[in-house]
């Protein structure tokens, strides 16, 4: 997986995990919903295919690129919009 700036990301940064757990995310290309293990650090939001395996993230989102976060009342969740992915 490549980070938002094109650099190859093979593992998480060494900052403390603020929160982690499962979520359902929609894939960018196929628009299919998949369950992913997500880890939030001070700098990034990482998604992984497997709980507790912190290598080869499927996506890395730099927290600084997130523009908005909105609750989704109909799905008991939330949406966020990144500057890179609209």
Protein backbone atom coordinates (compact mmCIF):
# COMPACT_ATOMS: atom_id res chain seq x y z
CA UNK A 1 0.00 0.00 0.00
CA UNK A 2 1.17 3.47 -0.78
CA UNK A 3 0.58 6.41 1.52
CA UNK A 4 -1.06 9.57 0.28
CA UNK A 5 2.26 10.94 -0.91
CA UNK A 6 3.37 7.90 -2.91
CA UNK A 7 5.81 6.42 -0.41
CA UNK A 8 5.54 2.67 0.20
CA UNK A 9 4.07 1.89 3.62
CA UNK A 10 4.72 -1.61 4.97
CA UNK A 11 3.93 -1.10 8.67
CA UNK A 12 2.52 1.39 11.14
CA UNK A 13 4.50 4.28 12.53
CA UNK A 14 5.73 3.90 16.10
CA UNK A 15 3.33 6.40 17.64
CA UNK A 16 0.86 5.23 20.25
CA UNK A 17 -2.44 3.74 19.13
CA UNK A 18 -5.26 6.07 20.18
CA UNK A 19 -8.09 3.76 19.14
CA UNK A 20 -8.52 0.52 17.19
CA UNK A 21 -11.36 -1.75 16.14
CA UNK A 22 -13.37 -3.14 13.24
CA UNK A 23 -15.26 -1.03 10.75
CA UNK A 24 -16.89 -1.46 7.37
CA UNK A 25 -15.37 0.67 4.61
CA UNK A 26 -16.30 1.11 1.01
CA UNK A 27 -13.54 0.35 -1.48
CA UNK A 28 -12.62 3.24 -3.76
CA UNK A 29 -12.61 1.36 -7.03
CA UNK A 30 -15.13 -1.49 -6.76
CA UNK A 31 -17.47 0.27 -4.31
CA UNK A 32 -17.73 -2.95 -2.28
CA UNK A 33 -18.12 -2.82 1.51
CA UNK A 34 -15.40 -4.69 3.42
CA UNK A 35 -14.70 -5.21 7.09
CA UNK A 36 -11.28 -3.89 8.09
CA UNK A 37 -9.27 -3.60 11.30
CA UNK A 38 -8.60 0.11 11.79
CA UNK A 39 -5.96 1.79 13.93
CA UNK A 40 -5.92 5.50 14.69
CA UNK A 41 -2.62 7.13 15.71
CA UNK A 42 -1.83 10.80 16.20
CA UNK A 43 -0.63 11.05 12.59
CA UNK A 44 -2.54 8.44 10.54
CA UNK A 45 -5.56 6.21 10.15
CA UNK A 46 -4.50 2.71 9.07
CA UNK A 47 -6.68 -0.12 7.73
CA UNK A 48 -5.62 -3.76 7.80
CA UNK A 49 -7.19 -6.98 6.55
CA UNK A 50 -6.58 -8.83 9.83
CA UNK A 51 -6.95 -7.83 13.48
CA UNK A 52 -3.61 -7.47 15.27
CA UNK A 53 -1.47 -7.85 12.12
CA UNK A 54 0.12 -4.42 11.70
CA UNK A 55 2.05 -5.08 8.47
CA UNK A 56 1.06 -4.12 4.92
CA UNK A 57 -1.87 -1.80 5.62
CA UNK A 58 -4.57 -1.73 2.94
CA UNK A 59 -4.81 2.04 3.34
CA UNK A 60 -2.99 4.82 5.19
CA UNK A 61 -4.70 8.18 5.56
CA UNK A 62 -2.78 11.15 6.91
CA UNK A 63 -4.99 12.76 9.57
CA UNK A 64 -3.98 16.22 8.29
CA UNK A 65 -5.74 15.52 4.97
CA UNK A 66 -9.17 14.89 6.53
CA UNK A 67 -11.45 17.82 5.74
CA UNK A 68 -14.75 16.83 7.37
CA UNK A 69 -16.23 14.21 9.66
CA UNK A 70 -20.02 13.75 9.73
CA UNK A 71 -22.22 11.30 11.59
CA UNK A 72 -24.36 9.07 9.40
CA UNK A 73 -27.68 8.78 11.23
CA UNK A 74 -29.05 6.15 8.84
CA UNK A 75 -26.16 3.71 9.25
CA UNK A 76 -25.15 4.30 12.90
CA UNK A 77 -21.71 5.40 11.77
CA UNK A 78 -19.79 8.32 10.38
CA UNK A 79 -18.25 9.50 7.14
CA UNK A 80 -15.09 11.47 6.59
CA UNK A 81 -13.77 13.23 3.53
CA UNK A 82 -10.07 13.43 2.79
CA UNK A 83 -8.50 16.07 0.55
CA UNK A 84 -7.07 13.29 -1.63
CA UNK A 85 -10.20 11.09 -1.93
CA UNK A 86 -13.40 12.94 -2.76
